[in-house]
Amino acid sequence: MGVPSNTNEIENFNEMKIKIAFISTLILLMVGMDGFSQDKNFYIFLCLGQSNMEGNAPIEEQDKENVDPRFQVMSTIDCPDLGREKGQWYTAVPPLCRCYTGLTPADYFGRTLVANLPEKVRVGVINVAVGGCKIELFDKDNYQSYVETSPDWLKNMVKEYDGDPYQRLVDMAKLAQKDGVIKGILLHQGESNTNDTLWTQKVKLVYDNLMTDLNLKPKNVPLLAGEVVSADQGGACASMNKIIATLPEVIPNSYVIPSNGCPQRGDNLHFTAEGYRMLGKRYAETMLPLLGIK
């Protein structure tokens, strides 16, 4: 390009430079929005299971206070009364599952993580759980036959996820992957599969499907599975803990979260609010070393 020699050429030259600079800036902004919006310091955890992951104990005032904004929840359904929309992030003030569910292990899992992780790290949870369900509900190829034979109260909860809780979890997780990185999966399920010796294989199927559908590597995404109410608390399904204990034999990158000493509500199935706090902290204490925090 030659050097402009008169006033008109100089003006045209300068105008062209301005246009080039504007277009270059616009391209950089678009690349930034599309290619670099994911925050590597936003750790996301998928939570699934039945009533104890859903949250069965009433939320107490202490559970609503002092929630660090670094701890976020993605709403998996629309909750107008809470001012929440499906697929959006909010400070993780309970409830974390659906609009009217109770306290869950995910609550104090996230709080404990942010209290121990560097300030630059945020934590997000996505909780899809259905009280009373078997693990078969999350089998993406066979869930329909299970739902069809389920009682109406379970069908009504499933309807809140448009009839397919597994797909809702995957859809929300894909949205979340635009914002951060999936670091683990939390499971609390088993009461409805008590003494089912194939439970570990059924959990592996769900885990493997999540790895495939979300393009995740098992070595990078541990599965943390909580015990049901323990025998020392009079757990009606405590025998299931022997089966849960064998999960690491089937899924190498899995860990069992003990429930001993976590108080239950008196129905021998569900934890009290304090029980959920204790269990949630135990999930976090297992996860922290896996994130490099002693």
Protein backbone atom coordinates (compact mmCIF):
# COMPACT_ATOMS: atom_id res chain seq x y z
CA MET A 1 0.00 0.00 0.00
CA GLY A 2 1.47 3.35 -1.03
CA VAL A 3 1.73 6.43 1.17
CA PRO A 4 -1.24 8.83 0.55
CA SER A 5 -0.11 12.07 -1.13
CA ASN A 6 -3.07 14.42 -0.85
CA THR A 7 -5.73 15.39 1.70
CA ASN A 8 -8.50 13.18 0.28
CA GLU A 9 -6.24 10.16 0.15
CA ILE A 10 -5.12 10.78 3.74
CA GLU A 11 -8.75 11.03 4.93
CA ASN A 12 -9.71 7.84 3.06
CA PHE A 13 -6.66 6.07 4.43
CA ASN A 14 -7.49 7.03 8.03
CA GLU A 15 -11.13 6.06 7.58
CA MET A 16 -10.07 2.64 6.28
CA LYS A 17 -7.76 2.13 9.28
CA ILE A 18 -10.63 2.96 11.65
CA LYS A 19 -12.92 0.44 9.91
CA ILE A 20 -10.24 -2.26 10.06
CA ALA A 21 -9.66 -1.59 13.76
CA PHE A 22 -13.42 -1.72 14.46
CA ILE A 23 -13.88 -5.01 12.60
CA SER A 24 -10.84 -6.53 14.33
CA THR A 25 -12.17 -5.53 17.75
CA LEU A 26 -15.59 -6.98 16.93
CA ILE A 27 -14.04 -10.28 15.85
CA LEU A 28 -12.01 -10.48 19.04
CA LEU A 29 -15.10 -9.82 21.15
CA MET A 30 -17.07 -12.53 19.32
CA VAL A 31 -14.25 -15.03 19.73
CA GLY A 32 -14.07 -14.13 23.40
CA MET A 33 -17.78 -14.74 23.92
CA ASP A 34 -17.88 -18.00 22.01
CA GLY A 35 -14.52 -19.57 22.72
CA PHE A 36 -13.29 -18.33 26.05
CA SER A 37 -16.37 -17.84 28.24
CA GLN A 38 -15.81 -21.04 30.23
CA ASP A 39 -14.35 -20.33 33.68
CA LYS A 40 -11.88 -23.06 34.66
CA ASN A 41 -12.27 -21.94 38.28
CA PHE A 42 -16.01 -22.65 38.31
CA TYR A 43 -16.26 -26.20 39.67
CA ILE A 44 -19.58 -27.87 38.86
CA PHE A 45 -21.04 -30.96 40.51
CA LEU A 46 -24.01 -33.03 39.35
CA CYS A 47 -26.28 -34.38 42.09
CA LEU A 48 -28.82 -37.15 41.61
CA GLY A 49 -30.74 -39.73 43.57
CA GLN A 50 -33.94 -40.14 45.54
CA SER A 51 -35.46 -38.44 48.59
CA ASN A 52 -32.32 -37.93 50.64
CA MET A 53 -30.62 -36.16 47.73
CA GLU A 54 -33.85 -34.34 46.98
CA GLY A 55 -33.88 -33.13 50.58
CA ASN A 56 -36.44 -34.36 53.09
CA ALA A 57 -35.79 -32.31 56.25
CA PRO A 58 -37.34 -28.85 56.71
CA ILE A 59 -34.95 -26.00 55.92
CA GLU A 60 -34.06 -24.09 59.10
CA GLU A 61 -33.23 -20.38 59.39
CA GLN A 62 -29.54 -21.10 59.86
CA ASP A 63 -29.52 -22.85 56.49
CA LYS A 64 -30.70 -19.69 54.70
CA GLU A 65 -28.11 -17.40 56.25
CA ASN A 66 -24.58 -16.45 55.19
CA VAL A 67 -24.54 -18.43 51.94
CA ASP A 68 -21.38 -17.40 50.09
CA PRO A 69 -22.25 -16.11 46.57
CA ARG A 70 -19.34 -18.25 45.34
CA PHE A 71 -21.65 -21.21 45.95
CA GLN A 72 -24.22 -21.37 43.14
CA VAL A 73 -27.13 -23.59 42.14
CA MET A 74 -28.56 -24.00 38.66
CA SER A 75 -32.32 -24.23 38.82
CA THR A 76 -33.48 -27.34 36.93
CA ILE A 77 -37.11 -26.21 36.77
CA ASP A 78 -38.94 -22.87 36.82
CA CYS A 79 -39.74 -21.71 40.37
CA PRO A 80 -41.65 -18.40 40.09
CA ASP A 81 -42.14 -18.10 43.87
CA LEU A 82 -38.37 -18.27 44.32
CA GLY A 83 -37.68 -15.97 41.38
CA ARG A 84 -35.78 -18.75 39.61
CA GLU A 85 -35.79 -19.82 35.98
CA LYS A 86 -34.70 -23.17 34.58
CA GLY A 87 -31.11 -23.15 33.41
CA GLN A 88 -30.04 -20.05 35.35
CA TRP A 89 -27.52 -19.77 38.20
CA TYR A 90 -28.41 -18.40 41.64
CA THR A 91 -26.73 -18.10 45.02
CA ALA A 92 -27.30 -21.53 46.58
CA VAL A 93 -29.85 -20.64 49.24
CA PRO A 94 -32.00 -23.77 49.79
CA PRO A 95 -34.02 -25.43 48.38
CA LEU A 96 -31.48 -26.71 45.86
CA CYS A 97 -33.54 -29.43 44.16
CA ARG A 98 -37.08 -28.35 43.26
CA CYS A 99 -39.22 -25.42 44.38
CA TYR A 100 -40.48 -26.91 47.65
CA THR A 101 -37.94 -29.58 48.59
CA GLY A 102 -35.92 -29.59 51.80
CA LEU A 103 -32.32 -29.52 52.94
CA THR A 104 -29.99 -31.82 51.00
CA PRO A 105 -26.40 -33.04 51.36
CA ALA A 106 -25.56 -30.73 48.43
CA ASP A 107 -26.14 -27.70 50.69
CA TYR A 108 -23.27 -28.26 53.09
CA PHE A 109 -21.17 -29.99 50.46
CA GLY A 110 -20.96 -26.74 48.54
CA ARG A 111 -20.58 -24.53 51.61
CA THR A 112 -17.71 -26.64 52.91
CA LEU A 113 -15.97 -26.61 49.54
CA VAL A 114 -16.04 -22.82 49.10
CA ALA A 115 -14.83 -22.38 52.68
CA ASN A 116 -11.72 -24.43 51.88
CA LEU A 117 -11.02 -23.65 48.22
CA PRO A 118 -9.10 -20.56 46.99
CA GLU A 119 -11.13 -17.35 46.75
CA LYS A 120 -10.96 -17.40 42.95
CA VAL A 121 -12.83 -20.73 42.82
CA ARG A 122 -16.62 -20.90 42.64
CA VAL A 123 -18.75 -24.01 43.16
CA GLY A 124 -21.98 -24.85 41.35
CA VAL A 125 -24.41 -27.72 41.89
CA ILE A 126 -27.13 -29.13 39.66
CA ASN A 127 -29.56 -31.33 41.58
CA VAL A 128 -32.05 -33.66 39.88
CA ALA A 129 -33.57 -36.10 42.36
CA VAL A 130 -36.93 -37.82 42.78
CA GLY A 131 -38.11 -39.12 46.13
CA GLY A 132 -38.90 -42.83 46.24
CA CYS A 133 -37.36 -43.65 42.88
CA LYS A 134 -35.22 -46.64 42.01
CA ILE A 135 -31.92 -46.11 40.21
CA GLU A 136 -33.77 -47.41 37.13
CA LEU A 137 -35.35 -43.96 36.76
CA PHE A 138 -31.97 -42.67 35.53
CA ASP A 139 -31.50 -45.48 32.99
CA LYS A 140 -31.99 -43.44 29.82
CA ASP A 141 -32.94 -46.42 27.69
CA ASN A 142 -35.41 -48.12 30.02
CA TYR A 143 -36.80 -45.42 32.34
CA GLN A 144 -40.15 -45.19 30.53
CA SER A 145 -41.23 -48.72 31.41
CA TYR A 146 -40.23 -48.03 35.03
CA VAL A 147 -42.23 -44.80 35.19
CA GLU A 148 -45.28 -46.42 33.60
CA THR A 149 -45.51 -48.90 36.47
CA SER A 150 -44.84 -46.30 39.19
CA PRO A 151 -47.42 -44.80 41.56
CA ASP A 152 -49.05 -41.48 40.63
CA TRP A 153 -47.10 -39.48 43.24
CA LEU A 154 -43.83 -40.48 41.60
CA LYS A 155 -45.19 -39.83 38.11
CA ASN A 156 -46.15 -36.31 39.21
CA MET A 157 -42.61 -35.56 40.36
CA VAL A 158 -41.19 -36.97 37.14
CA LYS A 159 -43.51 -34.64 35.18
CA GLU A 160 -41.67 -31.67 36.68
CA TYR A 161 -38.69 -32.81 34.60
CA ASP A 162 -40.83 -33.19 31.45
CA GLY A 163 -41.00 -36.93 32.09
CA ASP A 164 -37.25 -37.62 31.87
CA PRO A 165 -35.08 -36.67 34.88
CA TYR A 166 -31.91 -38.10 33.33
CA GLN A 167 -32.28 -36.00 30.20
CA ARG A 168 -33.02 -32.91 32.30
CA LEU A 169 -29.77 -33.49 34.21
CA VAL A 170 -27.84 -33.86 30.95
CA ASP A 171 -29.44 -30.77 29.39
CA MET A 172 -28.63 -28.64 32.42
CA ALA A 173 -25.11 -30.06 32.61
CA LYS A 174 -24.46 -29.13 28.98
CA LEU A 175 -25.55 -25.58 29.72
CA ALA A 176 -23.29 -25.54 32.75
CA GLN A 177 -20.30 -26.73 30.73
CA LYS A 178 -20.41 -23.39 28.89
CA ASP A 179 -19.79 -21.69 32.23
CA GLY A 180 -17.47 -24.02 34.10
CA VAL A 181 -15.98 -27.49 34.45
CA ILE A 182 -17.76 -30.60 35.79
CA LYS A 183 -15.56 -31.89 38.62
CA GLY A 184 -17.66 -34.65 40.14
CA ILE A 185 -20.98 -36.41 40.64
CA LEU A 186 -22.82 -36.81 43.94
CA LEU A 187 -25.23 -39.72 44.34
CA HIS A 188 -27.56 -40.56 47.19
CA GLN A 189 -29.84 -43.42 46.23
CA GLY A 190 -30.42 -46.98 47.31
CA GLU A 191 -33.32 -47.17 49.72
CA SER A 192 -35.69 -48.21 46.91
CA ASN A 193 -33.14 -50.76 45.68
CA THR A 194 -32.41 -52.31 49.07
CA ASN A 195 -30.72 -55.73 48.74
CA ASP A 196 -30.54 -55.34 44.95
CA THR A 197 -27.23 -57.06 44.16
CA LEU A 198 -27.24 -55.54 40.67
CA TRP A 199 -27.40 -51.99 42.02
CA THR A 200 -23.70 -51.27 41.46
CA GLN A 201 -23.99 -52.34 37.82
CA LYS A 202 -27.06 -50.15 37.37
CA VAL A 203 -25.22 -47.18 38.87
CA LYS A 204 -22.28 -47.87 36.55
CA LEU A 205 -24.63 -47.75 33.56
CA VAL A 206 -25.89 -44.30 34.61
CA TYR A 207 -22.35 -43.09 35.30
CA ASP A 208 -21.04 -44.39 31.97
CA ASN A 209 -23.92 -42.76 30.11
CA LEU A 210 -23.17 -39.41 31.77
CA MET A 211 -19.51 -39.72 30.80
CA THR A 212 -20.48 -40.36 27.18
CA ASP A 213 -23.32 -37.83 26.89
CA LEU A 214 -21.28 -35.02 28.46
CA ASN A 215 -17.95 -35.96 26.87
CA LEU A 216 -16.29 -36.49 30.26
CA LYS A 217 -13.34 -38.67 31.22
CA PRO A 218 -13.97 -41.02 34.18
CA LYS A 219 -10.48 -40.41 35.56
CA ASN A 220 -11.36 -36.71 35.92
CA VAL A 221 -14.88 -37.08 37.34
CA PRO A 222 -15.18 -39.01 40.62
CA LEU A 223 -18.51 -40.41 41.78
CA LEU A 224 -19.31 -39.86 45.47
CA ALA A 225 -22.07 -42.14 46.78
CA GLY A 226 -23.57 -41.64 50.23
CA GLU A 227 -24.67 -44.42 52.53
CA VAL A 228 -28.34 -44.64 53.53
CA VAL A 229 -29.34 -44.15 57.20
CA SER A 230 -26.98 -46.41 59.11
CA ALA A 231 -27.68 -49.28 61.47
CA ASP A 232 -26.46 -47.25 64.45
CA GLN A 233 -29.34 -44.84 63.78
CA GLY A 234 -31.92 -47.58 63.24
CA GLY A 235 -31.87 -47.35 59.45
CA ALA A 236 -34.63 -49.45 57.89
CA CYS A 237 -32.49 -49.96 54.75
CA ALA A 238 -29.10 -50.12 56.48
CA SER A 239 -28.38 -53.50 54.88
CA MET A 240 -28.02 -51.62 51.58
CA ASN A 241 -24.81 -50.05 52.86
CA LYS A 242 -23.01 -53.37 52.37
CA ILE A 243 -23.85 -53.20 48.67
CA ILE A 244 -23.00 -49.49 48.40
CA ALA A 245 -19.61 -50.31 49.93
CA THR A 246 -18.73 -52.42 46.88
CA LEU A 247 -19.27 -49.60 44.38
CA PRO A 248 -15.51 -48.81 44.05
CA GLU A 249 -15.00 -52.38 42.85
CA VAL A 250 -17.23 -51.57 39.85
CA ILE A 251 -16.43 -47.87 39.31
CA PRO A 252 -12.73 -47.34 40.14
CA ASN A 253 -13.04 -43.55 40.57
CA SER A 254 -15.83 -43.77 43.14
CA TYR A 255 -15.96 -43.14 46.88
CA VAL A 256 -18.44 -44.11 49.57
CA ILE A 257 -19.55 -41.44 52.05
CA PRO A 258 -20.31 -42.92 55.50
CA SER A 259 -23.56 -42.03 57.25
CA ASN A 260 -22.81 -43.43 60.70
CA GLY A 261 -23.76 -40.98 63.43
CA CYS A 262 -25.92 -38.84 61.10
CA PRO A 263 -29.27 -38.54 62.93
CA GLN A 264 -32.52 -39.51 61.23
CA ARG A 265 -36.01 -38.03 61.47
CA GLY A 266 -37.68 -40.96 63.21
CA ASP A 267 -38.94 -42.68 60.07
CA ASN A 268 -35.69 -44.71 59.83
CA LEU A 269 -35.26 -43.52 56.23
CA HIS A 270 -34.52 -39.80 56.14
CA PHE A 271 -31.93 -37.66 57.87
CA THR A 272 -32.66 -34.65 60.05
CA ALA A 273 -31.39 -31.22 58.98
CA GLU A 274 -28.33 -31.81 61.17
CA GLY A 275 -27.89 -35.21 59.54
CA TYR A 276 -27.83 -33.59 56.10
CA ARG A 277 -25.31 -31.00 57.29
CA MET A 278 -23.03 -33.73 58.60
CA LEU A 279 -23.39 -35.87 55.49
CA GLY A 280 -22.84 -32.92 53.16
CA LYS A 281 -19.62 -32.00 54.95
CA ARG A 282 -18.44 -35.60 54.61
CA TYR A 283 -19.03 -35.48 50.85
CA ALA A 284 -16.92 -32.30 50.77
CA GLU A 285 -14.17 -33.74 52.98
CA THR A 286 -13.87 -36.61 50.51
CA MET A 287 -13.88 -34.28 47.49
CA LEU A 288 -11.37 -31.71 48.72
CA PRO A 289 -8.29 -33.98 48.54
CA LEU A 290 -9.38 -35.01 45.04
CA LEU A 291 -9.24 -31.31 44.15
CA GLY A 292 -5.75 -31.02 45.60
CA ILE A 293 -6.77 -29.50 48.94
CA LYS A 294 -5.43 -31.15 52.09
